[in-house]
Amino acid sequence: MDSTAIKQRLKKEMLDESNMANARLLIEKLQDTCFQSCIQKPGSSLSSSDKACLEHCMNKYMQAWNLVNSAYINKIRQIQSSS
């Protein structure tokens, strides 16, 4: 295996690790944020309104994250193409 192939493999591995770390962080933040917003009286089960609130909160959070992520990726592509 030549050095270029090794370099590309290492870049891919680092990107994969970074993506996994970002996904973990996203899930943790999503859980914390939505739990704080939706669950006013924690108990042994969730009410239907708690479930609906959590679903709505998670959907909004994911849409926002996807929007930011898309803008970030587009910016990186612009920078790379201008280099």
PDB file of N, CA and C in Angstrom:
ATOM      1  N   MET A   1       0.855  -1.186   0.000  1.00  0.00           N
ATOM      2  CA  MET A   1       0.000   0.000   0.000  1.00  0.00           C
ATOM      3  C   MET A   1       0.896   1.242   0.000  1.00  0.00           C
ATOM      4  N   ASP A   2       0.625   2.150  -0.914  1.00  0.00           N
ATOM      5  CA  ASP A   2       1.448   3.350  -1.010  1.00  0.00           C
ATOM      6  C   ASP A   2       1.018   4.392   0.028  1.00  0.00           C
ATOM      7  N   SER A   3       1.839   5.419   0.164  1.00  0.00           N
ATOM      8  CA  SER A   3       1.583   6.425   1.193  1.00  0.00           C
ATOM      9  C   SER A   3       0.309   7.222   0.933  1.00  0.00           C
ATOM     10  N   THR A   4      -0.048   7.420  -0.323  1.00  0.00           N
ATOM     11  CA  THR A   4      -1.279   8.142  -0.645  1.00  0.00           C
ATOM     12  C   THR A   4      -2.500   7.353  -0.178  1.00  0.00           C
ATOM     13  N   ALA A   5      -2.483   6.050  -0.419  1.00  0.00           N
ATOM     14  CA  ALA A   5      -3.599   5.201   0.013  1.00  0.00           C
ATOM     15  C   ALA A   5      -3.703   5.173   1.537  1.00  0.00           C
ATOM     16  N   ILE A   6      -2.573   5.099   2.204  1.00  0.00           N
ATOM     17  CA  ILE A   6      -2.561   5.101   3.665  1.00  0.00           C
ATOM     18  C   ILE A   6      -3.114   6.423   4.182  1.00  0.00           C
ATOM     19  N   LYS A   7      -2.664   7.509   3.570  1.00  0.00           N
ATOM     20  CA  LYS A   7      -3.130   8.837   3.971  1.00  0.00           C
ATOM     21  C   LYS A   7      -4.641   8.964   3.785  1.00  0.00           C
ATOM     22  N   GLN A   8      -5.160   8.497   2.664  1.00  0.00           N
ATOM     23  CA  GLN A   8      -6.600   8.552   2.401  1.00  0.00           C
ATOM     24  C   GLN A   8      -7.373   7.687   3.390  1.00  0.00           C
ATOM     25  N   ARG A   9      -6.856   6.518   3.700  1.00  0.00           N
ATOM     26  CA  ARG A   9      -7.521   5.635   4.667  1.00  0.00           C
ATOM     27  C   ARG A   9      -7.566   6.282   6.048  1.00  0.00           C
ATOM     28  N   LEU A  10      -6.463   6.895   6.458  1.00  0.00           N
ATOM     29  CA  LEU A  10      -6.427   7.560   7.756  1.00  0.00           C
ATOM     30  C   LEU A  10      -7.376   8.749   7.801  1.00  0.00           C
ATOM     31  N   LYS A  11      -7.448   9.507   6.715  1.00  0.00           N
ATOM     32  CA  LYS A  11      -8.396  10.626   6.648  1.00  0.00           C
ATOM     33  C   LYS A  11      -9.824  10.134   6.806  1.00  0.00           C
ATOM     34  N   LYS A  12     -10.156   9.023   6.125  1.00  0.00           N
ATOM     35  CA  LYS A  12     -11.498   8.469   6.205  1.00  0.00           C
ATOM     36  C   LYS A  12     -11.794   7.998   7.627  1.00  0.00           C
ATOM     37  N   GLU A  13     -10.845   7.325   8.245  1.00  0.00           N
ATOM     38  CA  GLU A  13     -11.041   6.847   9.621  1.00  0.00           C
ATOM     39  C   GLU A  13     -11.253   8.016  10.583  1.00  0.00           C
ATOM     40  N   MET A  14     -10.469   9.070  10.410  1.00  0.00           N
ATOM     41  CA  MET A  14     -10.614  10.244  11.277  1.00  0.00           C
ATOM     42  C   MET A  14     -11.972  10.912  11.061  1.00  0.00           C
ATOM     43  N   LEU A  15     -12.404  11.007   9.814  1.00  0.00           N
ATOM     44  CA  LEU A  15     -13.702  11.587   9.499  1.00  0.00           C
ATOM     45  C   LEU A  15     -14.827  10.752  10.100  1.00  0.00           C
ATOM     46  N   ASP A  16     -14.717   9.426   9.981  1.00  0.00           N
ATOM     47  CA  ASP A  16     -15.725   8.537  10.562  1.00  0.00           C
ATOM     48  C   ASP A  16     -15.803   8.700  12.084  1.00  0.00           C
ATOM     49  N   GLU A  17     -14.650   8.774  12.734  1.00  0.00           N
ATOM     50  CA  GLU A  17     -14.622   8.959  14.187  1.00  0.00           C
ATOM     51  C   GLU A  17     -15.230  10.306  14.571  1.00  0.00           C
ATOM     52  N   SER A  18     -14.902  11.328  13.818  1.00  0.00           N
ATOM     53  CA  SER A  18     -15.446  12.655  14.078  1.00  0.00           C
ATOM     54  C   SER A  18     -16.963  12.660  13.906  1.00  0.00           C
ATOM     55  N   ASN A  19     -17.447  12.007  12.866  1.00  0.00           N
ATOM     56  CA  ASN A  19     -18.886  11.924  12.634  1.00  0.00           C
ATOM     57  C   ASN A  19     -19.594  11.193  13.767  1.00  0.00           C
ATOM     58  N   MET A  20     -18.997  10.125  14.256  1.00  0.00           N
ATOM     59  CA  MET A  20     -19.599   9.384  15.378  1.00  0.00           C
ATOM     60  C   MET A  20     -19.624  10.239  16.644  1.00  0.00           C
ATOM     61  N   ALA A  21     -18.557  10.959  16.897  1.00  0.00           N
ATOM     62  CA  ALA A  21     -18.513  11.832  18.069  1.00  0.00           C
ATOM     63  C   ALA A  21     -19.574  12.927  17.955  1.00  0.00           C
ATOM     64  N   ASN A  22     -19.719  13.496  16.771  1.00  0.00           N
ATOM     65  CA  ASN A  22     -20.736  14.524  16.551  1.00  0.00           C
ATOM     66  C   ASN A  22     -22.144  13.964  16.740  1.00  0.00           C
ATOM     67  N   ALA A  23     -22.370  12.753  16.255  1.00  0.00           N
ATOM     68  CA  ALA A  23     -23.682  12.123  16.408  1.00  0.00           C
ATOM     69  C   ALA A  23     -23.993  11.868  17.884  1.00  0.00           C
ATOM     70  N   ARG A  24     -22.999  11.401  18.632  1.00  0.00           N
ATOM     71  CA  ARG A  24     -23.194  11.180  20.077  1.00  0.00           C
ATOM     72  C   ARG A  24     -23.520  12.490  20.779  1.00  0.00           C
ATOM     73  N   LEU A  25     -22.795  13.527  20.449  1.00  0.00           N
ATOM     74  CA  LEU A  25     -23.033  14.830  21.056  1.00  0.00           C
ATOM     75  C   LEU A  25     -24.427  15.342  20.708  1.00  0.00           C
ATOM     76  N   LEU A  26     -24.811  15.187  19.465  1.00  0.00           N
ATOM     77  CA  LEU A  26     -26.141  15.611  19.031  1.00  0.00           C
ATOM     78  C   LEU A  26     -27.222  14.896  19.835  1.00  0.00           C
ATOM     79  N   ILE A  27     -27.098  13.590  19.984  1.00  0.00           N
ATOM     80  CA  ILE A  27     -28.101  12.814  20.714  1.00  0.00           C
ATOM     81  C   ILE A  27     -28.146  13.229  22.178  1.00  0.00           C
ATOM     82  N   GLU A  28     -26.988  13.431  22.781  1.00  0.00           N
ATOM     83  CA  GLU A  28     -26.958  13.861  24.185  1.00  0.00           C
ATOM     84  C   GLU A  28     -27.623  15.225  24.357  1.00  0.00           C
ATOM     85  N   LYS A  29     -27.283  16.168  23.487  1.00  0.00           N
ATOM     86  CA  LYS A  29     -27.873  17.504  23.573  1.00  0.00           C
ATOM     87  C   LYS A  29     -29.373  17.447  23.322  1.00  0.00           C
ATOM     88  N   LEU A  30     -29.762  16.650  22.340  1.00  0.00           N
ATOM     89  CA  LEU A  30     -31.173  16.502  22.016  1.00  0.00           C
ATOM     90  C   LEU A  30     -31.936  15.945  23.214  1.00  0.00           C
ATOM     91  N   GLN A  31     -31.405  14.915  23.831  1.00  0.00           N
ATOM     92  CA  GLN A  31     -32.062  14.312  24.992  1.00  0.00           C
ATOM     93  C   GLN A  31     -32.173  15.315  26.138  1.00  0.00           C
ATOM     94  N   ASP A  32     -31.082  15.985  26.444  1.00  0.00           N
ATOM     95  CA  ASP A  32     -31.090  16.955  27.545  1.00  0.00           C
ATOM     96  C   ASP A  32     -32.074  18.088  27.279  1.00  0.00           C
ATOM     97  N   THR A  33     -31.980  18.664  26.107  1.00  0.00           N
ATOM     98  CA  THR A  33     -32.813  19.810  25.756  1.00  0.00           C
ATOM     99  C   THR A  33     -34.290  19.442  25.762  1.00  0.00           C
ATOM    100  N   CYS A  34     -34.622  18.359  25.088  1.00  0.00           N
ATOM    101  CA  CYS A  34     -36.029  17.976  24.974  1.00  0.00           C
ATOM    102  C   CYS A  34     -36.587  17.487  26.314  1.00  0.00           C
ATOM    103  N   PHE A  35     -35.791  16.784  27.081  1.00  0.00           N
ATOM    104  CA  PHE A  35     -36.264  16.337  28.387  1.00  0.00           C
ATOM    105  C   PHE A  35     -36.570  17.538  29.270  1.00  0.00           C
ATOM    106  N   GLN A  36     -35.650  18.497  29.292  1.00  0.00           N
ATOM    107  CA  GLN A  36     -35.851  19.696  30.110  1.00  0.00           C
ATOM    108  C   GLN A  36     -37.090  20.472  29.670  1.00  0.00           C
ATOM    109  N   SER A  37     -37.318  20.523  28.374  1.00  0.00           N
ATOM    110  CA  SER A  37     -38.439  21.292  27.837  1.00  0.00           C
ATOM    111  C   SER A  37     -39.784  20.590  28.005  1.00  0.00           C
ATOM    112  N   CYS A  38     -39.787  19.266  27.898  1.00  0.00           N
ATOM    113  CA  CYS A  38     -41.054  18.548  27.790  1.00  0.00           C
ATOM    114  C   CYS A  38     -41.521  17.845  29.071  1.00  0.00           C
ATOM    115  N   ILE A  39     -40.605  17.402  29.880  1.00  0.00           N
ATOM    116  CA  ILE A  39     -40.992  16.599  31.035  1.00  0.00           C
ATOM    117  C   ILE A  39     -40.993  17.483  32.283  1.00  0.00           C
ATOM    118  N   GLN A  40     -42.167  17.961  32.622  1.00  0.00           N
ATOM    119  CA  GLN A  40     -42.303  18.853  33.773  1.00  0.00           C
ATOM    120  C   GLN A  40     -42.388  18.088  35.089  1.00  0.00           C
ATOM    121  N   LYS A  41     -43.055  16.937  35.064  1.00  0.00           N
ATOM    122  CA  LYS A  41     -43.238  16.128  36.272  1.00  0.00           C
ATOM    123  C   LYS A  41     -42.808  14.690  35.976  1.00  0.00           C
ATOM    124  N   PRO A  42     -41.512  14.403  36.139  1.00  0.00           N
ATOM    125  CA  PRO A  42     -41.043  13.039  35.849  1.00  0.00           C
ATOM    126  C   PRO A  42     -41.766  12.015  36.716  1.00  0.00           C
ATOM    127  N   GLY A  43     -42.088  10.904  36.121  1.00  0.00           N
ATOM    128  CA  GLY A  43     -42.757   9.822  36.834  1.00  0.00           C
ATOM    129  C   GLY A  43     -42.334   8.493  36.255  1.00  0.00           C
ATOM    130  N   SER A  44     -43.144   7.488  36.511  1.00  0.00           N
ATOM    131  CA  SER A  44     -42.799   6.139  36.046  1.00  0.00           C
ATOM    132  C   SER A  44     -43.156   5.913  34.587  1.00  0.00           C
ATOM    133  N   SER A  45     -43.955   6.801  33.999  1.00  0.00           N
ATOM    134  CA  SER A  45     -44.309   6.664  32.590  1.00  0.00           C
ATOM    135  C   SER A  45     -44.519   8.057  31.982  1.00  0.00           C
ATOM    136  N   LEU A  46     -44.554   8.086  30.665  1.00  0.00           N
ATOM    137  CA  LEU A  46     -44.763   9.346  29.956  1.00  0.00           C
ATOM    138  C   LEU A  46     -46.232   9.481  29.560  1.00  0.00           C
ATOM    139  N   SER A  47     -46.760  10.664  29.715  1.00  0.00           N
ATOM    140  CA  SER A  47     -48.124  10.923  29.265  1.00  0.00           C
ATOM    141  C   SER A  47     -48.113  11.097  27.749  1.00  0.00           C
ATOM    142  N   SER A  48     -49.282  11.073  27.151  1.00  0.00           N
ATOM    143  CA  SER A  48     -49.350  11.258  25.696  1.00  0.00           C
ATOM    144  C   SER A  48     -48.862  12.649  25.303  1.00  0.00           C
ATOM    145  N   SER A  49     -49.116  13.653  26.149  1.00  0.00           N
ATOM    146  CA  SER A  49     -48.627  15.002  25.840  1.00  0.00           C
ATOM    147  C   SER A  49     -47.104  15.080  25.976  1.00  0.00           C
ATOM    148  N   ASP A  50     -46.535  14.338  26.944  1.00  0.00           N
ATOM    149  CA  ASP A  50     -45.072  14.271  27.072  1.00  0.00           C
ATOM    150  C   ASP A  50     -44.466  13.659  25.811  1.00  0.00           C
ATOM    151  N   LYS A  51     -45.054  12.566  25.357  1.00  0.00           N
ATOM    152  CA  LYS A  51     -44.555  11.886  24.153  1.00  0.00           C
ATOM    153  C   LYS A  51     -44.649  12.791  22.932  1.00  0.00           C
ATOM    154  N   ALA A  52     -45.782  13.475  22.797  1.00  0.00           N
ATOM    155  CA  ALA A  52     -45.964  14.379  21.656  1.00  0.00           C
ATOM    156  C   ALA A  52     -44.953  15.514  21.710  1.00  0.00           C
ATOM    157  N   CYS A  53     -44.753  16.071  22.890  1.00  0.00           N
ATOM    158  CA  CYS A  53     -43.784  17.161  23.052  1.00  0.00           C
ATOM    159  C   CYS A  53     -42.371  16.686  22.700  1.00  0.00           C
ATOM    160  N   LEU A  54     -41.999  15.507  23.199  1.00  0.00           N
ATOM    161  CA  LEU A  54     -40.671  14.970  22.904  1.00  0.00           C
ATOM    162  C   LEU A  54     -40.481  14.748  21.405  1.00  0.00           C
ATOM    163  N   GLU A  55     -41.495  14.196  20.768  1.00  0.00           N
ATOM    164  CA  GLU A  55     -41.401  13.952  19.326  1.00  0.00           C
ATOM    165  C   GLU A  55     -41.260  15.265  18.562  1.00  0.00           C
ATOM    166  N   HIS A  56     -42.063  16.242  18.915  1.00  0.00           N
ATOM    167  CA  HIS A  56     -42.002  17.552  18.260  1.00  0.00           C
ATOM    168  C   HIS A  56     -40.638  18.211  18.502  1.00  0.00           C
ATOM    169  N   CYS A  57     -40.174  18.157  19.725  1.00  0.00           N
ATOM    170  CA  CYS A  57     -38.887  18.762  20.077  1.00  0.00           C
ATOM    171  C   CYS A  57     -37.744  18.092  19.310  1.00  0.00           C
ATOM    172  N   MET A  58     -37.754  16.766  19.281  1.00  0.00           N
ATOM    173  CA  MET A  58     -36.681  16.055  18.582  1.00  0.00           C
ATOM    174  C   MET A  58     -36.707  16.354  17.084  1.00  0.00           C
ATOM    175  N   ASN A  59     -37.897  16.420  16.509  1.00  0.00           N
ATOM    176  CA  ASN A  59     -37.997  16.738  15.076  1.00  0.00           C
ATOM    177  C   ASN A  59     -37.470  18.141  14.788  1.00  0.00           C
ATOM    178  N   LYS A  60     -37.848  19.107  15.621  1.00  0.00           N
ATOM    179  CA  LYS A  60     -37.343  20.480  15.430  1.00  0.00           C
ATOM    180  C   LYS A  60     -35.836  20.532  15.578  1.00  0.00           C
ATOM    181  N   TYR A  61     -35.308  19.861  16.598  1.00  0.00           N
ATOM    182  CA  TYR A  61     -33.869  19.853  16.867  1.00  0.00           C
ATOM    183  C   TYR A  61     -33.119  19.237  15.683  1.00  0.00           C
ATOM    184  N   MET A  62     -33.638  18.113  15.158  1.00  0.00           N
ATOM    185  CA  MET A  62     -32.980  17.451  14.033  1.00  0.00           C
ATOM    186  C   MET A  62     -33.047  18.309  12.771  1.00  0.00           C
ATOM    187  N   GLN A  63     -34.166  18.978  12.529  1.00  0.00           N
ATOM    188  CA  GLN A  63     -34.275  19.860  11.367  1.00  0.00           C
ATOM    189  C   GLN A  63     -33.272  21.000  11.468  1.00  0.00           C
ATOM    190  N   ALA A  64     -33.160  21.577  12.644  1.00  0.00           N
ATOM    191  CA  ALA A  64     -32.204  22.672  12.841  1.00  0.00           C
ATOM    192  C   ALA A  64     -30.782  22.169  12.647  1.00  0.00           C
ATOM    193  N   TRP A  65     -30.476  21.014  13.208  1.00  0.00           N
ATOM    194  CA  TRP A  65     -29.134  20.455  13.076  1.00  0.00           C
ATOM    195  C   TRP A  65     -28.822  20.171  11.609  1.00  0.00           C
ATOM    196  N   ASN A  66     -29.776  19.599  10.891  1.00  0.00           N
ATOM    197  CA  ASN A  66     -29.564  19.312   9.465  1.00  0.00           C
ATOM    198  C   ASN A  66     -29.332  20.590   8.670  1.00  0.00           C
ATOM    199  N   LEU A  67     -30.062  21.639   8.995  1.00  0.00           N
ATOM    200  CA  LEU A  67     -29.891  22.924   8.312  1.00  0.00           C
ATOM    201  C   LEU A  67     -28.494  23.492   8.566  1.00  0.00           C
ATOM    202  N   VAL A  68     -28.080  23.501   9.806  1.00  0.00           N
ATOM    203  CA  VAL A  68     -26.745  24.015  10.155  1.00  0.00           C
ATOM    204  C   VAL A  68     -25.662  23.156   9.516  1.00  0.00           C
ATOM    205  N   ASN A  69     -25.825  21.843   9.601  1.00  0.00           N
ATOM    206  CA  ASN A  69     -24.843  20.928   9.030  1.00  0.00           C
ATOM    207  C   ASN A  69     -24.726  21.130   7.521  1.00  0.00           C
ATOM    208  N   SER A  70     -25.845  21.293   6.847  1.00  0.00           N
ATOM    209  CA  SER A  70     -25.841  21.517   5.402  1.00  0.00           C
ATOM    210  C   SER A  70     -25.120  22.818   5.051  1.00  0.00           C
ATOM    211  N   ALA A  71     -25.406  23.869   5.799  1.00  0.00           N
ATOM    212  CA  ALA A  71     -24.733  25.155   5.554  1.00  0.00           C
ATOM    213  C   ALA A  71     -23.226  25.032   5.791  1.00  0.00           C
ATOM    214  N   TYR A  72     -22.850  24.301   6.826  1.00  0.00           N
ATOM    215  CA  TYR A  72     -21.434  24.096   7.141  1.00  0.00           C
ATOM    216  C   TYR A  72     -20.736  23.335   6.012  1.00  0.00           C
ATOM    217  N   ILE A  73     -21.355  22.275   5.539  1.00  0.00           N
ATOM    218  CA  ILE A  73     -20.768  21.487   4.455  1.00  0.00           C
ATOM    219  C   ILE A  73     -20.646  22.318   3.184  1.00  0.00           C
ATOM    220  N   ASN A  74     -21.662  23.107   2.874  1.00  0.00           N
ATOM    221  CA  ASN A  74     -21.593  23.978   1.693  1.00  0.00           C
ATOM    222  C   ASN A  74     -20.467  24.987   1.816  1.00  0.00           C
ATOM    223  N   LYS A  75     -20.267  25.527   2.997  1.00  0.00           N
ATOM    224  CA  LYS A  75     -19.182  26.500   3.219  1.00  0.00           C
ATOM    225  C   LYS A  75     -17.827  25.828   3.008  1.00  0.00           C
ATOM    226  N   ILE A  76     -17.680  24.622   3.534  1.00  0.00           N
ATOM    227  CA  ILE A  76     -16.416  23.892   3.353  1.00  0.00           C
ATOM    228  C   ILE A  76     -16.173  23.638   1.871  1.00  0.00           C
ATOM    229  N   ARG A  77     -17.212  23.245   1.151  1.00  0.00           N
ATOM    230  CA  ARG A  77     -17.053  22.998  -0.289  1.00  0.00           C
ATOM    231  C   ARG A  77     -16.654  24.274  -1.025  1.00  0.00           C
ATOM    232  N   GLN A  78     -17.239  25.397  -0.649  1.00  0.00           N
ATOM    233  CA  GLN A  78     -16.879  26.681  -1.272  1.00  0.00           C
ATOM    234  C   GLN A  78     -15.422  27.001  -1.023  1.00  0.00           C
ATOM    235  N   ILE A  79     -14.977  26.808   0.200  1.00  0.00           N
ATOM    236  CA  ILE A  79     -13.585  27.086   0.546  1.00  0.00           C
ATOM    237  C   ILE A  79     -12.654  26.172  -0.222  1.00  0.00           C
ATOM    238  N   GLN A  80     -12.999  24.900  -0.306  1.00  0.00           N
ATOM    239  CA  GLN A  80     -12.148  23.944  -1.018  1.00  0.00           C
ATOM    240  C   GLN A  80     -12.083  24.242  -2.513  1.00  0.00           C
ATOM    241  N   SER A  81     -13.224  24.638  -3.080  1.00  0.00           N
ATOM    242  CA  SER A  81     -13.217  24.908  -4.523  1.00  0.00           C
ATOM    243  C   SER A  81     -12.484  26.202  -4.868  1.00  0.00           C
ATOM    244  N   SER A  82     -12.405  27.134  -3.924  1.00  0.00           N
ATOM    245  CA  SER A  82     -11.699  28.378  -4.194  1.00  0.00           C
ATOM    246  C   SER A  82     -10.198  28.269  -3.929  1.00  0.00           C
ATOM    247  N   SER A  83      -9.797  27.175  -3.298  1.00  0.00           N
ATOM    248  CA  SER A  83      -8.356  26.978  -3.001  1.00  0.00           C
ATOM    249  C   SER A  83      -7.593  26.475  -4.191  1.00  0.00           C
TER     250      SER A  83
END
